[in-house]
């Protein structure tokens, strides 16, 4: 399997990297945190490490470390706007439950 991005998410990543003037792509990870046990980590990556896995969708790269891939495999990353709120949304088939605030999940 892999990690994919919708057209909207890829466009957001490409525009941000262009505005920033540098970067390889969007780094996704998972850390232990929150009420449900795991939380997503999102940051822009300036470097691809030798162990990183790189997936490309619509001209933008998603970079994932092997330890996080077991929680993220099959995920589709979207970028949405709902009223005044906007941000990345994870469509992760591995999630069995998430907290009420949407900040953490468990598998």
Protein backbone atom coordinates (compact mmCIF):
# COMPACT_ATOMS: atom_id res chain seq x y z
CA UNK A 1 0.00 0.00 0.00
CA UNK A 2 1.03 3.62 0.17
CA UNK A 3 0.13 7.07 1.40
CA UNK A 4 -1.67 9.36 -1.03
CA UNK A 5 -2.82 12.96 -1.18
CA UNK A 6 -5.87 14.46 -2.79
CA UNK A 7 -5.39 17.15 -5.40
CA UNK A 8 -6.26 19.80 -2.76
CA UNK A 9 -3.67 18.51 -0.28
CA UNK A 10 -0.94 18.24 -2.91
CA UNK A 11 -1.66 21.76 -4.12
CA UNK A 12 -1.40 23.10 -0.57
CA UNK A 13 1.95 21.33 -0.05
CA UNK A 14 3.36 22.56 -3.38
CA UNK A 15 2.25 26.17 -2.76
CA UNK A 16 3.65 26.22 0.78
CA UNK A 17 7.03 24.83 -0.31
CA UNK A 18 7.14 27.35 -3.17
CA UNK A 19 6.33 30.22 -0.79
CA UNK A 20 8.90 28.92 1.70
CA UNK A 21 11.55 28.72 -1.01
CA UNK A 22 12.82 25.28 0.00
CA UNK A 23 11.68 21.82 1.00
CA UNK A 24 11.36 18.27 -0.23
CA UNK A 25 7.77 17.60 0.79
CA UNK A 26 5.46 17.00 3.72
CA UNK A 27 6.74 14.73 6.50
CA UNK A 28 4.08 12.66 8.25
CA UNK A 29 4.63 10.76 11.44
CA UNK A 30 2.91 9.35 14.49
CA UNK A 31 3.80 9.91 18.14
CA UNK A 32 2.38 8.63 21.41
CA UNK A 33 0.07 11.32 22.75
CA UNK A 34 -3.48 12.41 23.41
CA UNK A 35 -6.50 10.73 24.95
CA UNK A 36 -6.62 7.91 22.39
CA UNK A 37 -2.92 7.03 22.37
CA UNK A 38 -1.46 8.27 19.06
CA UNK A 39 -1.29 11.65 17.36
CA UNK A 40 -0.29 12.73 13.88
CA UNK A 41 2.85 14.78 13.38
CA UNK A 42 3.00 17.01 10.30
CA UNK A 43 5.97 19.14 9.27
CA UNK A 44 7.68 20.24 6.11
CA UNK A 45 10.84 18.27 5.33
CA UNK A 46 13.97 19.92 3.98
CA UNK A 47 15.83 16.62 3.75
CA UNK A 48 14.96 13.02 2.94
CA UNK A 49 16.71 10.58 5.28
CA UNK A 50 18.10 7.27 3.94
CA UNK A 51 15.43 5.16 5.73
CA UNK A 52 12.52 7.42 4.74
CA UNK A 53 9.79 6.18 2.43
CA UNK A 54 8.66 8.70 -0.18
CA UNK A 55 5.26 8.70 -1.88
CA UNK A 56 4.28 11.17 -4.58
CA UNK A 57 0.77 12.35 -5.43
CA UNK A 58 -0.17 15.10 -7.86
CA UNK A 59 3.41 16.42 -7.95
CA UNK A 60 3.92 16.64 -4.17
CA UNK A 61 5.87 14.28 -1.90
CA UNK A 62 4.82 12.68 1.38
CA UNK A 63 7.78 11.49 3.45
CA UNK A 64 7.32 8.88 6.18
CA UNK A 65 9.70 7.10 8.54
CA UNK A 66 9.36 3.29 8.63
CA UNK A 67 8.12 3.22 12.26
CA UNK A 68 5.19 5.51 11.45
CA UNK A 69 4.25 3.67 8.27
CA UNK A 70 2.59 0.82 10.17
CA UNK A 71 0.02 3.35 11.48
CA UNK A 72 -0.26 5.39 8.28
CA UNK A 73 -0.23 2.78 5.50
CA UNK A 74 -3.24 3.28 3.22
CA UNK A 75 -3.91 6.82 4.47
CA UNK A 76 -5.22 9.50 2.13
CA UNK A 77 -4.34 13.04 3.16
CA UNK A 78 -6.83 15.74 2.22
CA UNK A 79 -6.90 19.51 2.74
CA UNK A 80 -10.29 20.92 3.65
CA UNK A 81 -11.96 24.19 4.47
CA UNK A 82 -15.05 24.17 6.65
CA UNK A 83 -16.28 27.62 7.53
CA UNK A 84 -13.39 29.46 9.17
CA UNK A 85 -11.43 26.25 9.77
CA UNK A 86 -8.99 24.78 7.30
CA UNK A 87 -6.33 22.12 7.51
CA UNK A 88 -5.14 18.66 6.64
CA UNK A 89 -7.55 15.78 7.19
CA UNK A 90 -6.43 12.17 7.52
CA UNK A 91 -8.55 9.43 5.95
CA UNK A 92 -6.75 6.58 7.71
CA UNK A 93 -8.18 3.04 7.33
CA UNK A 94 -6.10 1.84 10.32
CA UNK A 95 -7.92 4.02 12.88
CA UNK A 96 -10.29 2.06 15.10
CA UNK A 97 -11.21 4.93 17.42
CA UNK A 98 -10.43 8.62 17.86
CA UNK A 99 -10.96 11.12 20.64
CA UNK A 100 -13.79 13.63 20.60
CA UNK A 101 -11.53 16.56 19.75
CA UNK A 102 -10.03 14.70 16.78
CA UNK A 103 -6.45 15.23 17.93
CA UNK A 104 -5.58 11.59 18.63
CA UNK A 105 -6.48 8.05 17.57
CA UNK A 106 -5.80 4.39 18.26
CA UNK A 107 -5.32 1.41 15.97
